[in-house]
Amino acid sequence: ATGNLSYQIEHHLFPDMPSRRYQEIAPQIRALFDRYGL
């Protein structure tokens, strides 16, 4: 319902990536945040 803009971080990183893939990559993006202390 949000257009997967609930994954706004992932969308801003890859705005032209099909939205259904944001949920898939979100754990990997969050792992990067943790690794870099963000």
PDB file of all heavy atoms in Angstrom:
ATOM      1  N   ALA A   1       0.813  -1.217   0.000  1.00  0.00           N
ATOM      2  CA  ALA A   1       0.000   0.000   0.000  1.00  0.00           C
ATOM      3  C   ALA A   1       0.849   1.271   0.000  1.00  0.00           C
ATOM      4  O   ALA A   1       0.406   2.315  -0.484  1.00  0.00           O
ATOM      5  CB  ALA A   1      -0.938   0.003   1.202  1.00  0.00           C
ATOM      6  N   THR A   2       2.052   1.191   0.515  1.00  0.00           N
ATOM      7  CA  THR A   2       2.941   2.359   0.490  1.00  0.00           C
ATOM      8  C   THR A   2       3.727   2.453  -0.817  1.00  0.00           C
ATOM      9  O   THR A   2       4.517   3.379  -0.997  1.00  0.00           O
ATOM     10  CB  THR A   2       3.966   2.317   1.646  1.00  0.00           C
ATOM     11  OG1 THR A   2       4.879   1.232   1.444  1.00  0.00           O
ATOM     12  CG2 THR A   2       3.285   2.190   3.003  1.00  0.00           C
ATOM     13  N   GLY A   3       3.508   1.498  -1.717  1.00  0.00           N
ATOM     14  CA  GLY A   3       4.338   1.445  -2.922  1.00  0.00           C
ATOM     15  C   GLY A   3       5.738   0.983  -2.575  1.00  0.00           C
ATOM     16  O   GLY A   3       6.693   1.252  -3.298  1.00  0.00           O
ATOM     17  N   ASN A   4       5.846   0.272  -1.451  1.00  0.00           N
ATOM     18  CA  ASN A   4       7.122  -0.157  -0.884  1.00  0.00           C
ATOM     19  C   ASN A   4       8.014   1.025  -0.533  1.00  0.00           C
ATOM     20  O   ASN A   4       9.229   0.874  -0.342  1.00  0.00           O
ATOM     21  CB  ASN A   4       7.849  -1.141  -1.811  1.00  0.00           C
ATOM     22  CG  ASN A   4       7.333  -2.560  -1.645  1.00  0.00           C
ATOM     23  OD1 ASN A   4       7.570  -3.212  -0.635  1.00  0.00           O
ATOM     24  ND2 ASN A   4       6.593  -3.030  -2.633  1.00  0.00           N
ATOM     25  N   LEU A   5       7.395   2.218  -0.396  1.00  0.00           N
ATOM     26  CA  LEU A   5       8.134   3.372   0.127  1.00  0.00           C
ATOM     27  C   LEU A   5       8.280   3.278   1.638  1.00  0.00           C
ATOM     28  O   LEU A   5       8.923   4.130   2.251  1.00  0.00           O
ATOM     29  CB  LEU A   5       7.426   4.678  -0.256  1.00  0.00           C
ATOM     30  CG  LEU A   5       7.440   5.008  -1.747  1.00  0.00           C
ATOM     31  CD1 LEU A   5       6.771   6.349  -2.009  1.00  0.00           C
ATOM     32  CD2 LEU A   5       8.861   5.019  -2.295  1.00  0.00           C
ATOM     33  N   SER A   6       7.695   2.240   2.227  1.00  0.00           N
ATOM     34  CA  SER A   6       8.010   1.917   3.617  1.00  0.00           C
ATOM     35  C   SER A   6       9.473   1.497   3.709  1.00  0.00           C
ATOM     36  O   SER A   6      10.077   1.543   4.781  1.00  0.00           O
ATOM     37  CB  SER A   6       7.099   0.795   4.118  1.00  0.00           C
ATOM     38  OG  SER A   6       7.006  -0.229   3.137  1.00  0.00           O
ATOM     39  N   TYR A   7      10.045   1.093   2.569  1.00  0.00           N
ATOM     40  CA  TYR A   7      11.490   0.851   2.444  1.00  0.00           C
ATOM     41  C   TYR A   7      12.106   2.070   1.742  1.00  0.00           C
ATOM     42  O   TYR A   7      12.738   1.961   0.703  1.00  0.00           O
ATOM     43  CB  TYR A   7      11.756  -0.418   1.640  1.00  0.00           C
ATOM     44  CG  TYR A   7      11.293  -1.678   2.336  1.00  0.00           C
ATOM     45  CD1 TYR A   7      10.127  -2.328   1.932  1.00  0.00           C
ATOM     46  CD2 TYR A   7      12.016  -2.212   3.403  1.00  0.00           C
ATOM     47  CE1 TYR A   7       9.698  -3.466   2.567  1.00  0.00           C
ATOM     48  CE2 TYR A   7      11.590  -3.356   4.045  1.00  0.00           C
ATOM     49  CZ  TYR A   7      10.420  -3.991   3.627  1.00  0.00           C
ATOM     50  OH  TYR A   7       9.995  -5.125   4.264  1.00  0.00           O
ATOM     51  N   GLN A   8      11.899   3.239   2.360  1.00  0.00           N
ATOM     52  CA  GLN A   8      12.357   4.480   1.748  1.00  0.00           C
ATOM     53  C   GLN A   8      13.877   4.532   1.625  1.00  0.00           C
ATOM     54  O   GLN A   8      14.418   5.080   0.652  1.00  0.00           O
ATOM     55  CB  GLN A   8      11.872   5.670   2.577  1.00  0.00           C
ATOM     56  CG  GLN A   8      12.090   7.026   1.955  1.00  0.00           C
ATOM     57  CD  GLN A   8      11.172   7.289   0.784  1.00  0.00           C
ATOM     58  OE1 GLN A   8      11.619   7.319  -0.358  1.00  0.00           O
ATOM     59  NE2 GLN A   8       9.881   7.473   1.052  1.00  0.00           N
ATOM     60  N   ILE A   9      14.575   3.964   2.585  1.00  0.00           N
ATOM     61  CA  ILE A   9      16.043   3.942   2.520  1.00  0.00           C
ATOM     62  C   ILE A   9      16.487   3.184   1.272  1.00  0.00           C
ATOM     63  O   ILE A   9      17.309   3.672   0.485  1.00  0.00           O
ATOM     64  CB  ILE A   9      16.646   3.300   3.787  1.00  0.00           C
ATOM     65  CG1 ILE A   9      16.330   4.147   5.024  1.00  0.00           C
ATOM     66  CG2 ILE A   9      18.158   3.119   3.638  1.00  0.00           C
ATOM     67  CD1 ILE A   9      16.655   3.468   6.345  1.00  0.00           C
ATOM     68  N   GLU A  10      15.935   2.006   1.097  1.00  0.00           N
ATOM     69  CA  GLU A  10      16.295   1.185  -0.060  1.00  0.00           C
ATOM     70  C   GLU A  10      15.863   1.860  -1.370  1.00  0.00           C
ATOM     71  O   GLU A  10      16.577   1.795  -2.377  1.00  0.00           O
ATOM     72  CB  GLU A  10      15.651  -0.203   0.068  1.00  0.00           C
ATOM     73  CG  GLU A  10      16.251  -1.082   1.157  1.00  0.00           C
ATOM     74  CD  GLU A  10      15.913  -0.675   2.582  1.00  0.00           C
ATOM     75  OE1 GLU A  10      14.932   0.083   2.770  1.00  0.00           O
ATOM     76  OE2 GLU A  10      16.608  -1.109   3.520  1.00  0.00           O
ATOM     77  N   HIS A  11      14.702   2.504  -1.337  1.00  0.00           N
ATOM     78  CA  HIS A  11      14.224   3.196  -2.539  1.00  0.00           C
ATOM     79  C   HIS A  11      15.146   4.362  -2.909  1.00  0.00           C
ATOM     80  O   HIS A  11      15.435   4.575  -4.085  1.00  0.00           O
ATOM     81  CB  HIS A  11      12.803   3.709  -2.325  1.00  0.00           C
ATOM     82  CG  HIS A  11      12.307   4.570  -3.448  1.00  0.00           C
ATOM     83  ND1 HIS A  11      12.172   4.114  -4.741  1.00  0.00           N
ATOM     84  CD2 HIS A  11      11.945   5.882  -3.481  1.00  0.00           C
ATOM     85  CE1 HIS A  11      11.736   5.094  -5.513  1.00  0.00           C
ATOM     86  NE2 HIS A  11      11.600   6.177  -4.782  1.00  0.00           N
ATOM     87  N   HIS A  12      15.597   5.114  -1.916  1.00  0.00           N
ATOM     88  CA  HIS A  12      16.486   6.235  -2.207  1.00  0.00           C
ATOM     89  C   HIS A  12      17.846   5.760  -2.713  1.00  0.00           C
ATOM     90  O   HIS A  12      18.477   6.435  -3.532  1.00  0.00           O
ATOM     91  CB  HIS A  12      16.661   7.109  -0.964  1.00  0.00           C
ATOM     92  CG  HIS A  12      15.615   8.166  -0.858  1.00  0.00           C
ATOM     93  ND1 HIS A  12      15.405   8.891   0.292  1.00  0.00           N
ATOM     94  CD2 HIS A  12      14.718   8.634  -1.766  1.00  0.00           C
ATOM     95  CE1 HIS A  12      14.428   9.752   0.084  1.00  0.00           C
ATOM     96  NE2 HIS A  12      13.996   9.611  -1.153  1.00  0.00           N
ATOM     97  N   LEU A  13      18.276   4.624  -2.257  1.00  0.00           N
ATOM     98  CA  LEU A  13      19.537   4.072  -2.769  1.00  0.00           C
ATOM     99  C   LEU A  13      19.382   3.618  -4.214  1.00  0.00           C
ATOM    100  O   LEU A  13      20.268   3.848  -5.050  1.00  0.00           O
ATOM    101  CB  LEU A  13      19.992   2.897  -1.893  1.00  0.00           C
ATOM    102  CG  LEU A  13      20.507   3.252  -0.500  1.00  0.00           C
ATOM    103  CD1 LEU A  13      20.671   1.988   0.334  1.00  0.00           C
ATOM    104  CD2 LEU A  13      21.822   4.016  -0.581  1.00  0.00           C
ATOM    105  N   PHE A  14      18.252   2.972  -4.509  1.00  0.00           N
ATOM    106  CA  PHE A  14      18.035   2.387  -5.839  1.00  0.00           C
ATOM    107  C   PHE A  14      16.637   2.748  -6.346  1.00  0.00           C
ATOM    108  O   PHE A  14      15.748   1.894  -6.410  1.00  0.00           O
ATOM    109  CB  PHE A  14      18.190   0.865  -5.776  1.00  0.00           C
ATOM    110  CG  PHE A  14      19.453   0.395  -5.103  1.00  0.00           C
ATOM    111  CD1 PHE A  14      19.406  -0.381  -3.955  1.00  0.00           C
ATOM    112  CD2 PHE A  14      20.698   0.728  -5.630  1.00  0.00           C
ATOM    113  CE1 PHE A  14      20.571  -0.832  -3.343  1.00  0.00           C
ATOM    114  CE2 PHE A  14      21.867   0.293  -5.026  1.00  0.00           C
ATOM    115  CZ  PHE A  14      21.815  -0.492  -3.872  1.00  0.00           C
ATOM    116  N   PRO A  15      16.409   4.000  -6.735  1.00  0.00           N
ATOM    117  CA  PRO A  15      15.054   4.427  -7.112  1.00  0.00           C
ATOM    118  C   PRO A  15      14.492   3.748  -8.349  1.00  0.00           C
ATOM    119  O   PRO A  15      13.271   3.708  -8.520  1.00  0.00           O
ATOM    120  CB  PRO A  15      15.212   5.939  -7.337  1.00  0.00           C
ATOM    121  CG  PRO A  15      16.676   6.165  -7.545  1.00  0.00           C
ATOM    122  CD  PRO A  15      17.364   5.121  -6.746  1.00  0.00           C
ATOM    123  N   ASP A  16      15.347   3.197  -9.214  1.00  0.00           N
ATOM    124  CA  ASP A  16      14.839   2.530 -10.410  1.00  0.00           C
ATOM    125  C   ASP A  16      14.862   1.008 -10.287  1.00  0.00           C
ATOM    126  O   ASP A  16      14.669   0.295 -11.270  1.00  0.00           O
ATOM    127  CB  ASP A  16      15.624   2.965 -11.651  1.00  0.00           C
ATOM    128  CG  ASP A  16      17.124   2.697 -11.541  1.00  0.00           C
ATOM    129  OD1 ASP A  16      17.585   2.287 -10.452  1.00  0.00           O
ATOM    130  OD2 ASP A  16      17.840   2.905 -12.546  1.00  0.00           O
ATOM    131  N   MET A  17      15.055   0.483  -9.086  1.00  0.00           N
ATOM    132  CA  MET A  17      14.972  -0.959  -8.846  1.00  0.00           C
ATOM    133  C   MET A  17      13.511  -1.328  -8.590  1.00  0.00           C
ATOM    134  O   MET A  17      12.809  -0.626  -7.862  1.00  0.00           O
ATOM    135  CB  MET A  17      15.817  -1.347  -7.631  1.00  0.00           C
ATOM    136  CG  MET A  17      15.762  -2.834  -7.279  1.00  0.00           C
ATOM    137  SD  MET A  17      16.692  -3.236  -5.765  1.00  0.00           S
ATOM    138  CE  MET A  17      18.382  -3.013  -6.337  1.00  0.00           C
ATOM    139  N   PRO A  18      12.988  -2.417  -9.188  1.00  0.00           N
ATOM    140  CA  PRO A  18      11.603  -2.817  -8.938  1.00  0.00           C
ATOM    141  C   PRO A  18      11.302  -2.894  -7.449  1.00  0.00           C
ATOM    142  O   PRO A  18      12.038  -3.513  -6.674  1.00  0.00           O
ATOM    143  CB  PRO A  18      11.519  -4.195  -9.603  1.00  0.00           C
ATOM    144  CG  PRO A  18      12.464  -4.082 -10.758  1.00  0.00           C
ATOM    145  CD  PRO A  18      13.617  -3.275 -10.217  1.00  0.00           C
ATOM    146  N   SER A  19      10.208  -2.267  -7.053  1.00  0.00           N
ATOM    147  CA  SER A  19       9.898  -2.060  -5.641  1.00  0.00           C
ATOM    148  C   SER A  19       9.782  -3.353  -4.843  1.00  0.00           C
ATOM    149  O   SER A  19      10.073  -3.371  -3.649  1.00  0.00           O
ATOM    150  CB  SER A  19       8.603  -1.257  -5.512  1.00  0.00           C
ATOM    151  OG  SER A  19       7.547  -1.932  -6.187  1.00  0.00           O
ATOM    152  N   ARG A  20       9.333  -4.435  -5.478  1.00  0.00           N
ATOM    153  CA  ARG A  20       9.160  -5.690  -4.739  1.00  0.00           C
ATOM    154  C   ARG A  20      10.492  -6.238  -4.230  1.00  0.00           C
ATOM    155  O   ARG A  20      10.512  -7.088  -3.337  1.00  0.00           O
ATOM    156  CB  ARG A  20       8.472  -6.743  -5.611  1.00  0.00           C
ATOM    157  CG  ARG A  20       9.330  -7.308  -6.726  1.00  0.00           C
ATOM    158  CD  ARG A  20       8.580  -8.397  -7.509  1.00  0.00           C
ATOM    159  NE  ARG A  20       8.372  -9.599  -6.728  1.00  0.00           N
ATOM    160  CZ  ARG A  20       9.188 -10.649  -6.749  1.00  0.00           C
ATOM    161  NH1 ARG A  20      10.292 -10.637  -7.496  1.00  0.00           N
ATOM    162  NH2 ARG A  20       8.917 -11.728  -6.029  1.00  0.00           N
ATOM    163  N   ARG A  21      11.601  -5.755  -4.747  1.00  0.00           N
ATOM    164  CA  ARG A  21      12.915  -6.237  -4.339  1.00  0.00           C
ATOM    165  C   ARG A  21      13.451  -5.526  -3.089  1.00  0.00           C
ATOM    166  O   ARG A  21      14.443  -5.966  -2.513  1.00  0.00           O
ATOM    167  CB  ARG A  21      13.928  -6.060  -5.475  1.00  0.00           C
ATOM    168  CG  ARG A  21      13.636  -6.918  -6.710  1.00  0.00           C
ATOM    169  CD  ARG A  21      13.714  -8.392  -6.388  1.00  0.00           C
ATOM    170  NE  ARG A  21      13.632  -9.234  -7.569  1.00  0.00           N
ATOM    171  CZ  ARG A  21      14.569 -10.115  -7.933  1.00  0.00           C
ATOM    172  NH1 ARG A  21      15.662 -10.257  -7.199  1.00  0.00           N
ATOM    173  NH2 ARG A  21      14.412 -10.850  -9.016  1.00  0.00           N
ATOM    174  N   TYR A  22      12.801  -4.435  -2.664  1.00  0.00           N
ATOM    175  CA  TYR A  22      13.316  -3.701  -1.506  1.00  0.00           C
ATOM    176  C   TYR A  22      13.272  -4.538  -0.231  1.00  0.00           C
ATOM    177  O   TYR A  22      14.191  -4.505   0.581  1.00  0.00           O
ATOM    178  CB  TYR A  22      12.528  -2.396  -1.308  1.00  0.00           C
ATOM    179  CG  TYR A  22      12.711  -1.387  -2.419  1.00  0.00           C
ATOM    180  CD1 TYR A  22      11.688  -0.509  -2.769  1.00  0.00           C
ATOM    181  CD2 TYR A  22      13.906  -1.296  -3.131  1.00  0.00           C
ATOM    182  CE1 TYR A  22      11.845   0.418  -3.790  1.00  0.00           C
ATOM    183  CE2 TYR A  22      14.072  -0.376  -4.153  1.00  0.00           C
ATOM    184  CZ  TYR A  22      13.039   0.481  -4.482  1.00  0.00           C
ATOM    185  OH  TYR A  22      13.203   1.404  -5.483  1.00  0.00           O
ATOM    186  N   GLN A  23      12.177  -5.281  -0.056  1.00  0.00           N
ATOM    187  CA  GLN A  23      12.079  -6.127   1.138  1.00  0.00           C
ATOM    188  C   GLN A  23      13.175  -7.191   1.146  1.00  0.00           C
ATOM    189  O   GLN A  23      13.728  -7.513   2.194  1.00  0.00           O
ATOM    190  CB  GLN A  23      10.698  -6.783   1.195  1.00  0.00           C
ATOM    191  CG  GLN A  23      10.472  -7.581   2.475  1.00  0.00           C
ATOM    192  CD  GLN A  23       9.033  -8.034   2.631  1.00  0.00           C
ATOM    193  OE1 GLN A  23       8.220  -7.913   1.714  1.00  0.00           O
ATOM    194  NE2 GLN A  23       8.703  -8.552   3.802  1.00  0.00           N
ATOM    195  N   GLU A  24      13.504  -7.676  -0.022  1.00  0.00           N
ATOM    196  CA  GLU A  24      14.543  -8.704  -0.158  1.00  0.00           C
ATOM    197  C   GLU A  24      15.925  -8.179   0.235  1.00  0.00           C
ATOM    198  O   GLU A  24      16.699  -8.872   0.898  1.00  0.00           O
ATOM    199  CB  GLU A  24      14.549  -9.188  -1.603  1.00  0.00           C
ATOM    200  CG  GLU A  24      15.691 -10.117  -1.977  1.00  0.00           C
ATOM    201  CD  GLU A  24      15.752 -10.347  -3.474  1.00  0.00           C
ATOM    202  OE1 GLU A  24      14.686 -10.449  -4.113  1.00  0.00           O
ATOM    203  OE2 GLU A  24      16.867 -10.416  -4.015  1.00  0.00           O
ATOM    204  N   ILE A  25      16.239  -6.950  -0.183  1.00  0.00           N
ATOM    205  CA  ILE A  25      17.585  -6.420   0.074  1.00  0.00           C
ATOM    206  C   ILE A  25      17.685  -5.677   1.399  1.00  0.00           C
ATOM    207  O   ILE A  25      18.802  -5.371   1.845  1.00  0.00           O
ATOM    208  CB  ILE A  25      18.054  -5.493  -1.061  1.00  0.00           C
ATOM    209  CG1 ILE A  25      17.221  -4.207  -1.103  1.00  0.00           C
ATOM    210  CG2 ILE A  25      18.034  -6.221  -2.394  1.00  0.00           C
ATOM    211  CD1 ILE A  25      17.765  -3.150  -2.042  1.00  0.00           C
ATOM    212  N   ALA A  26      16.543  -5.402   2.047  1.00  0.00           N
ATOM    213  CA  ALA A  26      16.563  -4.613   3.283  1.00  0.00           C
ATOM    214  C   ALA A  26      17.486  -5.193   4.354  1.00  0.00           C
ATOM    215  O   ALA A  26      18.239  -4.441   4.998  1.00  0.00           O
ATOM    216  CB  ALA A  26      15.148  -4.437   3.826  1.00  0.00           C
ATOM    217  N   PRO A  27      17.482  -6.512   4.604  1.00  0.00           N
ATOM    218  CA  PRO A  27      18.406  -7.038   5.619  1.00  0.00           C
ATOM    219  C   PRO A  27      19.877  -6.783   5.269  1.00  0.00           C
ATOM    220  O   PRO A  27      20.696  -6.537   6.155  1.00  0.00           O
ATOM    221  CB  PRO A  27      18.090  -8.538   5.638  1.00  0.00           C
ATOM    222  CG  PRO A  27      16.692  -8.644   5.127  1.00  0.00           C
ATOM    223  CD  PRO A  27      16.573  -7.566   4.094  1.00  0.00           C
ATOM    224  N   GLN A  28      20.219  -6.846   3.987  1.00  0.00           N
ATOM    225  CA  GLN A  28      21.597  -6.586   3.569  1.00  0.00           C
ATOM    226  C   GLN A  28      21.958  -5.114   3.752  1.00  0.00           C
ATOM    227  O   GLN A  28      23.075  -4.784   4.158  1.00  0.00           O
ATOM    228  CB  GLN A  28      21.775  -6.991   2.099  1.00  0.00           C
ATOM    229  CG  GLN A  28      21.507  -8.468   1.844  1.00  0.00           C
ATOM    230  CD  GLN A  28      21.449  -8.791   0.361  1.00  0.00           C
ATOM    231  OE1 GLN A  28      22.469  -8.739  -0.327  1.00  0.00           O
ATOM    232  NE2 GLN A  28      20.272  -9.135  -0.151  1.00  0.00           N
ATOM    233  N   ILE A  29      21.004  -4.237   3.469  1.00  0.00           N
ATOM    234  CA  ILE A  29      21.237  -2.803   3.673  1.00  0.00           C
ATOM    235  C   ILE A  29      21.392  -2.510   5.162  1.00  0.00           C
ATOM    236  O   ILE A  29      22.292  -1.757   5.576  1.00  0.00           O
ATOM    237  CB  ILE A  29      20.080  -1.969   3.092  1.00  0.00           C
ATOM    238  CG1 ILE A  29      19.963  -2.196   1.585  1.00  0.00           C
ATOM    239  CG2 ILE A  29      20.276  -0.495   3.402  1.00  0.00           C
ATOM    240  CD1 ILE A  29      21.183  -1.797   0.790  1.00  0.00           C
ATOM    241  N   ARG A  30      20.550  -3.135   5.971  1.00  0.00           N
ATOM    242  CA  ARG A  30      20.643  -2.898   7.417  1.00  0.00           C
ATOM    243  C   ARG A  30      21.972  -3.415   7.964  1.00  0.00           C
ATOM    244  O   ARG A  30      22.559  -2.808   8.876  1.00  0.00           O
ATOM    245  CB  ARG A  30      19.474  -3.564   8.139  1.00  0.00           C
ATOM    246  CG  ARG A  30      19.393  -3.174   9.602  1.00  0.00           C
ATOM    247  CD  ARG A  30      18.018  -3.362  10.172  1.00  0.00           C
ATOM    248  NE  ARG A  30      17.871  -2.714  11.460  1.00  0.00           N
ATOM    249  CZ  ARG A  30      16.724  -2.538  12.094  1.00  0.00           C
ATOM    250  NH1 ARG A  30      15.602  -2.960  11.536  1.00  0.00           N
ATOM    251  NH2 ARG A  30      16.672  -1.941  13.266  1.00  0.00           N
ATOM    252  N   ALA A  31      22.453  -4.523   7.409  1.00  0.00           N
ATOM    253  CA  ALA A  31      23.751  -5.047   7.830  1.00  0.00           C
ATOM    254  C   ALA A  31      24.873  -4.060   7.509  1.00  0.00           C
ATOM    255  O   ALA A  31      25.826  -3.916   8.286  1.00  0.00           O
ATOM    256  CB  ALA A  31      24.012  -6.389   7.156  1.00  0.00           C
ATOM    257  N   LEU A  32      24.751  -3.369   6.373  1.00  0.00           N
ATOM    258  CA  LEU A  32      25.737  -2.335   6.037  1.00  0.00           C
ATOM    259  C   LEU A  32      25.687  -1.185   7.037  1.00  0.00           C
ATOM    260  O   LEU A  32      26.719  -0.666   7.461  1.00  0.00           O
ATOM    261  CB  LEU A  32      25.483  -1.799   4.628  1.00  0.00           C
ATOM    262  CG  LEU A  32      25.908  -2.673   3.449  1.00  0.00           C
ATOM    263  CD1 LEU A  32      25.493  -2.018   2.136  1.00  0.00           C
ATOM    264  CD2 LEU A  32      27.414  -2.897   3.462  1.00  0.00           C
ATOM    265  N   PHE A  33      24.476  -0.774   7.417  1.00  0.00           N
ATOM    266  CA  PHE A  33      24.336   0.264   8.439  1.00  0.00           C
ATOM    267  C   PHE A  33      25.064  -0.144   9.708  1.00  0.00           C
ATOM    268  O   PHE A  33      25.820   0.643  10.296  1.00  0.00           O
ATOM    269  CB  PHE A  33      22.855   0.488   8.757  1.00  0.00           C
ATOM    270  CG  PHE A  33      22.164   1.510   7.890  1.00  0.00           C
ATOM    271  CD1 PHE A  33      21.741   1.197   6.615  1.00  0.00           C
ATOM    272  CD2 PHE A  33      21.919   2.793   8.363  1.00  0.00           C
ATOM    273  CE1 PHE A  33      21.085   2.133   5.831  1.00  0.00           C
ATOM    274  CE2 PHE A  33      21.276   3.740   7.589  1.00  0.00           C
ATOM    275  CZ  PHE A  33      20.854   3.415   6.310  1.00  0.00           C
ATOM    276  N   ASP A  34      24.821  -1.370  10.150  1.00  0.00           N
ATOM    277  CA  ASP A  34      25.447  -1.850  11.393  1.00  0.00           C
ATOM    278  C   ASP A  34      26.962  -1.889  11.258  1.00  0.00           C
ATOM    279  O   ASP A  34      27.692  -1.483  12.181  1.00  0.00           O
ATOM    280  CB  ASP A  34      24.906  -3.240  11.737  1.00  0.00           C
ATOM    281  CG  ASP A  34      23.437  -3.216  12.121  1.00  0.00           C
ATOM    282  OD1 ASP A  34      22.931  -2.122  12.469  1.00  0.00           O
ATOM    283  OD2 ASP A  34      22.785  -4.279  12.053  1.00  0.00           O
ATOM    284  N   ARG A  35      27.446  -2.380  10.132  1.00  0.00           N
ATOM    285  CA  ARG A  35      28.895  -2.518   9.943  1.00  0.00           C
ATOM    286  C   ARG A  35      29.610  -1.174   9.933  1.00  0.00           C
ATOM    287  O   ARG A  35      30.726  -1.049  10.424  1.00  0.00           O
ATOM    288  CB  ARG A  35      29.169  -3.304   8.653  1.00  0.00           C
ATOM    289  CG  ARG A  35      30.643  -3.550   8.353  1.00  0.00           C
ATOM    290  CD  ARG A  35      30.838  -4.937   7.757  1.00  0.00           C
ATOM    291  NE  ARG A  35      29.965  -5.183   6.627  1.00  0.00           N
ATOM    292  CZ  ARG A  35      30.246  -4.816   5.371  1.00  0.00           C
ATOM    293  NH1 ARG A  35      31.368  -4.184   5.104  1.00  0.00           N
ATOM    294  NH2 ARG A  35      29.416  -5.111   4.387  1.00  0.00           N
ATOM    295  N   TYR A  36      28.932  -0.158   9.388  1.00  0.00           N
ATOM    296  CA  TYR A  36      29.553   1.163   9.313  1.00  0.00           C
ATOM    297  C   TYR A  36      29.136   2.088  10.461  1.00  0.00           C
ATOM    298  O   TYR A  36      29.469   3.271  10.468  1.00  0.00           O
ATOM    299  CB  TYR A  36      29.219   1.826   7.972  1.00  0.00           C
ATOM    300  CG  TYR A  36      29.979   1.231   6.809  1.00  0.00           C
ATOM    301  CD1 TYR A  36      29.392   0.272   5.978  1.00  0.00           C
ATOM    302  CD2 TYR A  36      31.289   1.610   6.538  1.00  0.00           C
ATOM    303  CE1 TYR A  36      30.087  -0.286   4.915  1.00  0.00           C
ATOM    304  CE2 TYR A  36      31.993   1.065   5.472  1.00  0.00           C
ATOM    305  CZ  TYR A  36      31.383   0.120   4.662  1.00  0.00           C
ATOM    306  OH  TYR A  36      32.091  -0.436   3.606  1.00  0.00           O
ATOM    307  N   GLY A  37      28.399   1.539  11.433  1.00  0.00           N
ATOM    308  CA  GLY A  37      28.029   2.314  12.610  1.00  0.00           C
ATOM    309  C   GLY A  37      27.013   3.406  12.340  1.00  0.00           C
ATOM    310  O   GLY A  37      27.017   4.453  12.991  1.00  0.00           O
ATOM    311  N   LEU A  38      26.093   3.169  11.386  1.00  0.00           N
ATOM    312  CA  LEU A  38      25.078   4.154  11.027  1.00  0.00           C
ATOM    313  C   LEU A  38      23.735   3.767  11.639  1.00  0.00           C
ATOM    314  O   LEU A  38      23.478   2.600  11.931  1.00  0.00           O
ATOM    315  CB  LEU A  38      24.945   4.239   9.505  1.00  0.00           C
ATOM    316  CG  LEU A  38      26.233   4.522   8.727  1.00  0.00           C
ATOM    317  CD1 LEU A  38      25.968   4.451   7.217  1.00  0.00           C
ATOM    318  CD2 LEU A  38      26.813   5.883   9.105  1.00  0.00           C
TER     319      LEU A  38
END
